[in-house]
Amino acid sequence: MQLKNIDNLNLPERARFYLHKLIQVLEKTLGDRVHSIIMFGSLVKGYATKVSDADILIIVSDDCTKREITFLNRLIMAFEVKFKYLIPPRGIVSQILYSVDKSTGMFISHFIVRKKDFINGNFAKTFQVNRLVAKVLAPNEIVYGSVLCRAKVVFGHDLISERIFSKVRRTQLLKSILMNLVTSLLALCIFPITKRATLYEMESAKWSMLAAYYYVKHDSPQLPILLKYFIERDISANYVKRWMSLRSFYQPDFKFGMLTPLNILKIHIGALKQK
């Protein structure tokens, strides 16, 4: 089975080459038990930067064992290191943060899920996040919807069409407020010990905008449309411009971090007022 929809995505050469190599490994390891490979996020929407994740969802047969999935995860991580989609954690702080990333799904470039768990909308198993986080904090309906509504099947069968997307409840946006505020406030606490703190602030701002927009519009648009939408709704234009600047030229920015919790609240309150 060949790659499809690739020409329409305008992928960077690194991502294109990575996909080809990844599929070769998956076919060699699992054969026809690889049902589908779905790409989502900035690569699909055309606004990826040098540090963007690959954002790939790999759907495998229900008879794949936990041992096989663990082996595949390790194998793919080695490829991610080779293609610079993953920087191996070094030191205690980096290892702790990487564990947090895996528990929440942040900054993770690939996810492997069995077909039944994907079709049934098992959020924790699809994105391999901590079950408690998935149940208490994660706005799973919003994340599922915003991730998959613009996703592209690049290999195998179109299983997105088999998923049923339920109407997003108000409680989902409240979960988004809580999750992103917690992320932002914890990031402020780790500014003295890691240069990655601003990345968590940026991620919480991004997911706030994606969640609020999906709640109102049931869509996940291109970045310029997303940012324009919130600038027109009393979100600081200077804050948004700084977020964009940090995406292209990253550096620690404590002032940006201090402004993030307030803007998270503004983003969500604006969305709640519209429905």
Protein backbone atom coordinates (compact mmCIF):
# COMPACT_ATOMS: atom_id res chain seq x y z
CA MET A 1 0.00 0.00 0.00
CA GLN A 2 1.38 3.41 -0.98
CA LEU A 3 1.41 6.84 0.60
CA LYS A 4 -1.50 9.03 -0.47
CA ASN A 5 -2.52 12.70 -0.21
CA ILE A 6 1.17 13.59 0.20
CA ASP A 7 1.43 15.87 -2.83
CA ASN A 8 -1.45 18.02 -1.57
CA LEU A 9 0.18 18.58 1.82
CA ASN A 10 3.30 20.44 0.69
CA LEU A 11 5.35 18.70 3.38
CA PRO A 12 8.93 19.72 4.15
CA GLU A 13 11.47 17.30 2.69
CA ARG A 14 12.45 16.05 6.15
CA ALA A 15 8.85 15.13 7.00
CA ARG A 16 8.30 13.48 3.62
CA PHE A 17 11.46 11.36 3.93
CA TYR A 18 10.61 10.50 7.55
CA LEU A 19 7.15 9.27 6.53
CA HIS A 20 8.55 7.03 3.80
CA LYS A 21 11.08 5.47 6.17
CA LEU A 22 8.51 5.08 8.94
CA ILE A 23 6.08 3.24 6.69
CA GLN A 24 8.82 0.92 5.44
CA VAL A 25 9.57 -0.05 9.05
CA LEU A 26 5.90 -0.48 9.96
CA GLU A 27 5.17 -2.67 6.94
CA LYS A 28 8.24 -4.78 7.64
CA THR A 29 7.30 -5.17 11.31
CA LEU A 30 3.50 -5.53 11.18
CA GLY A 31 2.62 -6.04 7.52
CA ASP A 32 -1.09 -5.61 6.82
CA ARG A 33 -1.81 -5.18 10.53
CA VAL A 34 -1.12 -1.47 10.01
CA HIS A 35 -4.64 -0.25 9.20
CA SER A 36 -4.10 3.47 8.85
CA ILE A 37 -1.62 6.30 9.34
CA ILE A 38 -3.13 9.71 9.99
CA MET A 39 -1.20 12.97 10.00
CA PHE A 40 -2.52 16.00 11.87
CA GLY A 41 -1.35 19.29 13.33
CA SER A 42 0.90 21.98 11.90
CA LEU A 43 2.40 19.83 9.12
CA VAL A 44 -1.04 19.20 7.66
CA LYS A 45 -2.20 22.79 8.12
CA GLY A 46 0.95 24.21 6.55
CA TYR A 47 2.42 26.22 9.42
CA ALA A 48 5.09 23.88 10.77
CA THR A 49 8.35 25.30 12.12
CA LYS A 50 11.74 23.65 12.52
CA VAL A 51 10.76 22.46 16.00
CA SER A 52 7.23 21.24 15.17
CA ASP A 53 6.24 17.68 16.03
CA ALA A 54 5.52 15.17 13.27
CA ASP A 55 2.03 14.52 14.75
CA ILE A 56 1.26 11.04 13.42
CA LEU A 57 -1.44 8.64 14.57
CA ILE A 58 -0.77 4.99 13.73
CA ILE A 59 -3.79 2.67 13.90
CA VAL A 60 -2.95 -1.01 14.17
CA SER A 61 -4.86 -4.28 14.29
CA ASP A 62 -6.67 -5.25 17.49
CA ASP A 63 -4.53 -8.38 17.78
CA CYS A 64 -1.31 -6.37 18.22
CA THR A 65 0.07 -7.19 21.65
CA LYS A 66 1.22 -4.67 24.23
CA ARG A 67 4.73 -6.00 23.75
CA GLU A 68 4.60 -5.35 20.00
CA ILE A 69 3.31 -1.81 20.54
CA THR A 70 6.05 -1.12 23.10
CA PHE A 71 8.66 -2.39 20.65
CA LEU A 72 7.23 -0.21 17.88
CA ASN A 73 7.23 2.84 20.14
CA ARG A 74 10.92 2.37 20.87
CA LEU A 75 11.70 1.77 17.22
CA ILE A 76 9.84 4.89 16.09
CA MET A 77 11.46 6.97 18.83
CA ALA A 78 14.84 5.99 17.40
CA PHE A 79 13.69 7.27 14.00
CA GLU A 80 12.43 10.48 15.60
CA VAL A 81 15.83 11.07 17.14
CA LYS A 82 17.49 10.43 13.77
CA PHE A 83 15.18 12.89 11.99
CA LYS A 84 15.34 15.40 14.88
CA TYR A 85 11.69 15.11 15.87
CA LEU A 86 12.82 14.04 19.33
CA ILE A 87 15.69 15.27 21.47
CA PRO A 88 16.64 12.54 23.97
CA PRO A 89 16.18 13.83 27.53
CA ARG A 90 19.43 14.37 29.41
CA GLY A 91 19.58 15.13 33.09
CA ILE A 92 17.01 14.76 35.84
CA VAL A 93 14.93 17.83 34.91
CA SER A 94 14.70 16.84 31.23
CA GLN A 95 13.73 13.28 32.14
CA ILE A 96 10.99 14.50 34.49
CA LEU A 97 9.62 16.87 31.85
CA TYR A 98 9.68 14.11 29.24
CA SER A 99 7.65 11.90 31.59
CA VAL A 100 5.15 14.75 31.96
CA ASP A 101 5.02 15.12 28.17
CA LYS A 102 4.21 11.43 27.72
CA SER A 103 1.54 11.55 30.43
CA THR A 104 -0.21 14.50 28.80
CA GLY A 105 0.55 13.91 25.10
CA MET A 106 2.35 17.25 24.73
CA PHE A 107 5.32 17.44 22.37
CA ILE A 108 4.87 13.79 21.37
CA SER A 109 5.26 13.11 17.64
CA HIS A 110 3.57 9.73 17.28
CA PHE A 111 0.78 7.71 18.85
CA ILE A 112 0.02 4.02 18.31
CA VAL A 113 -3.51 2.81 18.97
CA ARG A 114 -5.51 -0.33 18.27
CA LYS A 115 -8.37 0.06 15.82
CA LYS A 116 -11.14 -0.68 18.34
CA ASP A 117 -9.83 1.94 20.79
CA PHE A 118 -9.66 4.56 18.04
CA ILE A 119 -13.16 3.83 16.73
CA ASN A 120 -14.60 3.78 20.26
CA GLY A 121 -12.97 7.10 21.09
CA ASN A 122 -10.83 5.81 23.96
CA PHE A 123 -8.90 9.02 24.53
CA ALA A 124 -6.35 7.68 27.02
CA LYS A 125 -5.38 4.76 24.78
CA THR A 126 -5.46 6.74 21.54
CA PHE A 127 -3.08 9.41 22.79
CA GLN A 128 -1.36 7.20 25.37
CA VAL A 129 -1.95 9.64 28.19
CA ASN A 130 -2.39 9.06 31.89
CA ARG A 131 -5.93 7.81 32.59
CA LEU A 132 -6.45 10.22 35.48
CA VAL A 133 -5.33 13.16 33.34
CA ALA A 134 -7.62 11.98 30.54
CA LYS A 135 -10.62 11.71 32.85
CA VAL A 136 -10.17 14.80 35.04
CA LEU A 137 -8.33 17.39 32.95
CA ALA A 138 -8.40 16.51 29.26
CA PRO A 139 -11.21 18.03 27.16
CA ASN A 140 -11.23 14.82 25.14
CA GLU A 141 -14.18 15.65 22.86
CA ILE A 142 -12.55 18.93 21.84
CA VAL A 143 -9.10 17.43 21.37
CA TYR A 144 -10.45 14.53 19.30
CA GLY A 145 -12.51 16.84 17.14
CA SER A 146 -9.93 19.57 16.60
CA VAL A 147 -7.20 17.02 15.86
CA LEU A 148 -9.17 14.90 13.40
CA CYS A 149 -11.39 17.42 11.59
CA ARG A 150 -8.46 18.60 9.43
CA ALA A 151 -6.33 15.45 9.65
CA LYS A 152 -5.21 13.59 6.53
CA VAL A 153 -4.98 9.84 5.97
CA VAL A 154 -1.53 9.35 4.41
CA PHE A 155 -1.51 5.55 4.42
CA GLY A 156 -4.08 2.77 4.58
CA HIS A 157 -7.80 3.04 5.23
CA ASP A 158 -9.81 6.14 6.09
CA LEU A 159 -10.92 5.31 9.62
CA ILE A 160 -11.69 8.93 10.48
CA SER A 161 -15.00 8.57 8.63
CA GLU A 162 -15.93 5.72 10.99
CA ARG A 163 -15.58 7.92 14.06
CA ILE A 164 -18.66 9.62 15.46
CA PHE A 165 -17.99 13.13 16.75
CA SER A 166 -20.44 14.07 19.47
CA LYS A 167 -21.62 17.61 20.14
CA VAL A 168 -19.13 19.38 22.39
CA ARG A 169 -20.52 19.96 25.86
CA ARG A 170 -19.91 23.13 27.88
CA THR A 171 -18.04 21.10 30.49
CA GLN A 172 -15.42 20.33 27.85
CA LEU A 173 -14.46 23.99 27.57
CA LEU A 174 -14.33 24.26 31.36
CA LYS A 175 -11.91 21.32 31.35
CA SER A 176 -9.85 23.13 28.74
CA ILE A 177 -9.64 26.22 30.97
CA LEU A 178 -8.49 24.10 33.89
CA MET A 179 -5.97 22.04 31.92
CA ASN A 180 -4.35 24.99 30.18
CA LEU A 181 -4.29 27.18 33.29
CA VAL A 182 -2.63 24.40 35.28
CA THR A 183 -0.08 23.91 32.49
CA SER A 184 0.65 27.63 32.29
CA LEU A 185 0.96 28.14 36.06
CA LEU A 186 3.21 25.11 36.48
CA ALA A 187 5.35 26.38 33.61
CA LEU A 188 5.84 29.65 35.47
CA CYS A 189 7.22 27.67 38.41
CA ILE A 190 9.87 25.91 36.32
CA PHE A 191 11.29 29.00 34.58
CA PRO A 192 14.33 29.04 36.93
CA ILE A 193 15.31 25.44 36.12
CA THR A 194 14.63 24.89 32.40
CA LYS A 195 14.67 26.79 29.12
CA ARG A 196 11.62 24.78 28.03
CA ALA A 197 9.21 26.64 30.33
CA THR A 198 8.17 29.07 27.59
CA LEU A 199 7.34 26.11 25.32
CA TYR A 200 4.71 24.98 27.82
CA GLU A 201 3.29 28.51 27.95
CA MET A 202 3.08 28.56 24.16
CA GLU A 203 1.46 25.13 24.08
CA SER A 204 -1.19 26.10 26.63
CA ALA A 205 -2.00 29.24 24.63
CA LYS A 206 -2.20 27.27 21.38
CA TRP A 207 -4.49 24.59 22.77
CA SER A 208 -6.67 27.24 24.40
CA MET A 209 -7.23 28.88 21.01
CA LEU A 210 -7.81 25.56 19.25
CA ALA A 211 -10.24 24.39 21.93
CA ALA A 212 -12.22 27.63 22.05
CA TYR A 213 -12.46 27.89 18.27
CA TYR A 214 -13.57 24.27 17.92
CA TYR A 215 -16.16 24.76 20.67
CA VAL A 216 -17.69 27.69 18.78
CA LYS A 217 -17.11 26.76 15.13
CA HIS A 218 -16.64 22.98 15.21
CA ASP A 219 -13.54 23.42 13.06
CA SER A 220 -9.77 23.73 13.35
CA PRO A 221 -8.64 26.33 10.80
CA GLN A 222 -5.37 27.50 9.32
CA LEU A 223 -3.20 29.49 11.72
CA PRO A 224 -3.81 32.99 10.23
CA ILE A 225 -7.58 32.50 10.49
CA LEU A 226 -7.29 31.22 14.05
CA LEU A 227 -5.15 34.13 15.23
CA LYS A 228 -7.24 36.77 13.44
CA TYR A 229 -10.37 35.37 15.07
CA PHE A 230 -9.01 35.89 18.58
CA ILE A 231 -7.32 39.24 17.93
CA GLU A 232 -10.74 40.53 16.85
CA ARG A 233 -12.16 39.34 20.17
CA ASP A 234 -10.10 41.38 22.63
CA ILE A 235 -7.11 39.05 22.88
CA SER A 236 -3.94 41.13 23.00
CA ALA A 237 -2.53 41.53 19.48
CA ASN A 238 0.93 42.06 20.99
CA TYR A 239 0.61 38.77 22.88
CA VAL A 240 -0.37 36.91 19.70
CA LYS A 241 2.48 38.53 17.75
CA ARG A 242 4.94 37.51 20.45
CA TRP A 243 3.60 33.95 20.35
CA MET A 244 4.19 33.89 16.59
CA SER A 245 7.68 35.32 17.00
CA LEU A 246 8.61 32.68 19.58
CA ARG A 247 7.44 29.92 17.22
CA SER A 248 10.00 31.06 14.65
CA PHE A 249 12.77 32.26 16.96
CA TYR A 250 12.39 30.50 20.26
CA GLN A 251 13.89 31.85 23.46
CA PRO A 252 12.83 31.84 27.12
CA ASP A 253 10.42 34.70 27.80
CA PHE A 254 9.18 35.08 31.36
CA LYS A 255 7.09 38.16 30.52
CA PHE A 256 5.22 36.14 27.88
CA GLY A 257 4.67 33.43 30.49
CA MET A 258 3.25 35.93 32.98
CA LEU A 259 0.73 37.14 30.40
CA THR A 260 -0.40 33.65 29.38
CA PRO A 261 -2.84 32.77 32.23
CA LEU A 262 -4.81 35.99 31.67
CA ASN A 263 -5.03 35.40 27.94
CA ILE A 264 -6.10 31.79 28.49
CA LEU A 265 -9.02 33.09 30.55
CA LYS A 266 -9.91 35.71 27.92
CA ILE A 267 -9.87 33.12 25.14
CA HIS A 268 -12.20 30.74 26.95
CA ILE A 269 -14.55 33.35 28.41
CA GLY A 270 -14.99 34.81 24.94
CA ALA A 271 -15.96 31.38 23.61
CA LEU A 272 -18.40 30.73 26.47
CA LYS A 273 -20.16 34.03 25.76
CA GLN A 274 -20.84 32.99 22.17
CA LYS A 275 -22.79 29.83 23.01
